[in-house]
Amino acid sequence: MARHGLFLVYTGDGKGKTTASLGVTLRAVGRGLNVRYMQFIKSPERTYGEALALRKLGVEMEQMGIGFTWTKTPDEHRAALQLAWTKAKEALADPTIDLLVLDELNNALAITKFPIDDVLPIQEVVEAIQNRPKTMHLVVTGRSAKDELIQLADLVSTIEATKHYYEEGIPAVKGLEF
């Protein structure tokens, strides 16, 4: 029986969505699958531990964002999102990819500070996901997953924050957050 690609969504306000996608990536690499990992918000201008680790495993992490929405102008973010979505659509159509991770896509789709519907249209995202190669596994992460993606997904895990050291004034920790 041919493998059927599954669609997994990790969402919620808790820490661990990207971490969950990295766990799936690790398993896929261990099983010899061809993995492509793309991030929609994180910028290649910063160094992240997950990118360093994946490179060691032979998986290139493509960071297509320009950082948080308050760090650049809306036009800069819109241009980055448009380019990221163009690359993601190409990946979603690539039959050689066994596992595609679109990290932070939910965050990008949830932007309300400036218009994004023309550069990252939800209906186009839905259609690209539905039309991906039948054997491609897909992981989408980020807060505020759209209902359209939740309905399509085979698995949705909502990660809740019960307690976080940020609340005690501890900033992001190298090796744990980045």
Protein backbone atom coordinates (compact mmCIF):
# COMPACT_ATOMS: atom_id res chain seq x y z
CA MET A 1 0.00 0.00 0.00
CA ALA A 2 1.39 3.42 -0.94
CA ARG A 3 2.12 5.79 1.89
CA HIS A 4 -0.47 8.51 2.43
CA GLY A 5 0.96 11.88 3.48
CA LEU A 6 -0.39 13.27 6.73
CA PHE A 7 -0.97 16.90 7.70
CA LEU A 8 0.02 17.83 11.26
CA VAL A 9 -0.64 21.18 12.96
CA TYR A 10 1.05 22.32 16.17
CA THR A 11 -0.56 25.46 17.56
CA GLY A 12 -1.38 27.23 20.83
CA ASP A 13 0.19 29.79 23.13
CA GLY A 14 2.60 27.42 24.86
CA LYS A 15 6.27 26.81 24.14
CA GLY A 16 7.07 23.74 22.06
CA LYS A 17 5.46 24.04 18.63
CA THR A 18 8.72 24.37 16.71
CA THR A 19 10.27 21.83 19.05
CA ALA A 20 7.54 19.33 18.16
CA SER A 21 8.18 19.88 14.45
CA LEU A 22 11.89 19.34 15.03
CA GLY A 23 11.12 16.02 16.71
CA VAL A 24 9.13 14.90 13.65
CA THR A 25 12.00 16.12 11.46
CA LEU A 26 14.53 14.15 13.49
CA ARG A 27 12.49 10.96 13.11
CA ALA A 28 12.03 11.51 9.38
CA VAL A 29 15.75 12.09 8.82
CA GLY A 30 16.49 8.97 10.85
CA ARG A 31 14.25 6.99 8.50
CA GLY A 32 15.93 8.39 5.39
CA LEU A 33 13.12 10.70 4.31
CA ASN A 34 13.82 13.80 2.24
CA VAL A 35 12.98 16.75 4.52
CA ARG A 36 12.61 20.42 3.74
CA TYR A 37 12.23 22.85 6.64
CA MET A 38 11.06 26.43 6.08
CA GLN A 39 10.47 29.20 8.63
CA PHE A 40 8.13 32.10 7.86
CA ILE A 41 9.03 34.60 10.60
CA LYS A 42 12.58 33.90 11.80
CA SER A 43 15.28 35.75 9.93
CA PRO A 44 18.56 34.35 8.56
CA GLU A 45 20.22 37.41 10.14
CA ARG A 46 20.08 35.64 13.52
CA THR A 47 21.59 32.31 14.51
CA TYR A 48 19.24 29.66 15.88
CA GLY A 49 20.32 26.38 17.44
CA GLU A 50 17.80 24.39 15.42
CA ALA A 51 19.31 25.63 12.14
CA LEU A 52 22.79 24.67 13.32
CA ALA A 53 21.63 21.19 14.37
CA LEU A 54 19.66 20.49 11.20
CA ARG A 55 22.62 21.54 9.06
CA LYS A 56 24.70 18.91 10.88
CA LEU A 57 22.05 16.35 9.93
CA GLY A 58 22.09 17.44 6.29
CA VAL A 59 18.78 19.33 6.43
CA GLU A 60 18.91 22.96 5.39
CA MET A 61 16.55 25.21 7.31
CA GLU A 62 15.39 28.07 5.13
CA GLN A 63 14.62 31.14 7.23
CA MET A 64 12.51 33.40 5.03
CA GLY A 65 11.27 35.98 7.50
CA ILE A 66 12.64 39.29 8.65
CA GLY A 67 11.81 38.96 12.32
CA PHE A 68 8.91 40.05 14.48
CA THR A 69 6.28 42.33 12.96
CA TRP A 70 7.46 45.30 15.03
CA THR A 71 11.08 45.13 13.80
CA LYS A 72 10.54 46.24 10.19
CA THR A 73 8.00 48.16 8.12
CA PRO A 74 4.78 46.51 6.95
CA ASP A 75 5.99 46.74 3.33
CA GLU A 76 9.19 44.87 4.22
CA HIS A 77 7.21 42.16 5.99
CA ARG A 78 4.71 41.88 3.14
CA ALA A 79 7.53 41.45 0.61
CA ALA A 80 9.17 38.77 2.78
CA LEU A 81 5.84 36.94 3.23
CA GLN A 82 5.14 37.05 -0.49
CA LEU A 83 8.56 35.56 -1.30
CA ALA A 84 8.20 32.96 1.48
CA TRP A 85 4.78 31.91 0.20
CA THR A 86 6.10 31.63 -3.37
CA LYS A 87 8.88 29.30 -2.15
CA ALA A 88 6.47 27.34 0.06
CA LYS A 89 4.05 26.81 -2.86
CA GLU A 90 6.94 25.42 -4.92
CA ALA A 91 7.87 23.08 -2.09
CA LEU A 92 4.24 21.99 -1.65
CA ALA A 93 4.24 20.90 -5.30
CA ASP A 94 7.60 19.06 -5.17
CA PRO A 95 7.07 15.28 -5.34
CA THR A 96 10.64 14.60 -4.12
CA ILE A 97 9.91 16.01 -0.64
CA ASP A 98 8.76 13.41 1.87
CA LEU A 99 8.29 15.81 4.81
CA LEU A 100 7.76 19.54 4.49
CA VAL A 101 7.75 21.71 7.61
CA LEU A 102 6.25 25.19 7.33
CA ASP A 103 7.28 26.54 10.71
CA GLU A 104 5.49 29.71 11.85
CA LEU A 105 3.05 29.68 8.90
CA ASN A 106 0.20 29.99 11.40
CA ASN A 107 1.84 33.11 12.87
CA ALA A 108 2.16 34.63 9.42
CA LEU A 109 -1.47 33.89 8.56
CA ALA A 110 -2.57 35.46 11.86
CA ILE A 111 -0.95 38.86 11.22
CA THR A 112 -3.47 41.66 11.67
CA LYS A 113 -1.18 44.71 12.03
CA PHE A 114 -1.11 45.12 8.25
CA PRO A 115 -2.89 43.46 5.32
CA ILE A 116 -1.55 40.10 4.15
CA ASP A 117 -4.48 38.57 2.28
CA ASP A 118 -3.06 39.59 -1.10
CA VAL A 119 0.44 38.16 -0.44
CA LEU A 120 -0.54 35.13 1.67
CA PRO A 121 -4.17 34.29 0.78
CA ILE A 122 -5.69 31.64 3.05
CA GLN A 123 -7.70 30.06 0.22
CA GLU A 124 -4.51 29.66 -1.83
CA VAL A 125 -2.80 28.09 1.19
CA VAL A 126 -5.68 25.64 1.60
CA GLU A 127 -5.61 24.70 -2.10
CA ALA A 128 -1.83 24.21 -2.12
CA ILE A 129 -2.08 21.93 0.93
CA GLN A 130 -4.94 19.95 -0.61
CA ASN A 131 -3.08 19.60 -3.92
CA ARG A 132 0.32 18.61 -2.52
CA PRO A 133 1.72 15.24 -3.62
CA LYS A 134 -0.32 12.46 -2.00
CA THR A 135 2.71 10.99 -0.22
CA MET A 136 4.02 14.26 1.25
CA HIS A 137 3.78 14.67 5.01
CA LEU A 138 3.24 18.30 6.05
CA VAL A 139 3.80 19.99 9.40
CA VAL A 140 2.56 23.53 10.05
CA THR A 141 3.34 25.32 13.31
CA GLY A 142 2.56 28.58 15.03
CA ARG A 143 0.06 30.30 17.25
CA SER A 144 -3.50 31.01 16.17
CA ALA A 145 -3.99 28.31 13.55
CA LYS A 146 -6.75 29.23 11.11
CA ASP A 147 -9.93 27.14 11.26
CA GLU A 148 -9.45 26.25 7.60
CA LEU A 149 -6.14 24.52 8.42
CA ILE A 150 -7.49 22.87 11.55
CA GLN A 151 -10.32 21.34 9.51
CA LEU A 152 -7.88 19.97 6.89
CA ALA A 153 -5.36 18.56 9.35
CA ASP A 154 -5.06 14.90 10.28
CA LEU A 155 -3.60 15.86 13.67
CA VAL A 156 -3.88 19.09 15.64
CA SER A 157 -1.99 19.52 18.89
CA THR A 158 -2.68 22.65 20.89
CA ILE A 159 0.18 23.45 23.21
CA GLU A 160 -0.89 25.40 26.30
CA ALA A 161 1.27 27.42 28.64
CA THR A 162 0.72 26.34 32.22
CA LYS A 163 3.84 27.99 33.61
CA HIS A 164 6.82 29.70 31.97
CA TYR A 165 10.05 31.12 33.38
CA TYR A 166 9.50 34.28 31.30
CA GLU A 167 6.90 35.18 33.94
CA GLU A 168 9.73 35.20 36.50
CA GLY A 169 11.78 37.62 34.40
CA ILE A 170 14.10 35.01 32.88
CA PRO A 171 14.79 35.97 29.24
CA ALA A 172 15.18 33.61 26.30
CA VAL A 173 17.84 31.00 27.08
CA LYS A 174 20.46 30.01 24.51
CA GLY A 175 20.01 26.33 23.72
CA LEU A 176 16.39 26.31 24.94
CA GLU A 177 14.74 29.07 22.88
CA PHE A 178 17.28 29.77 20.18
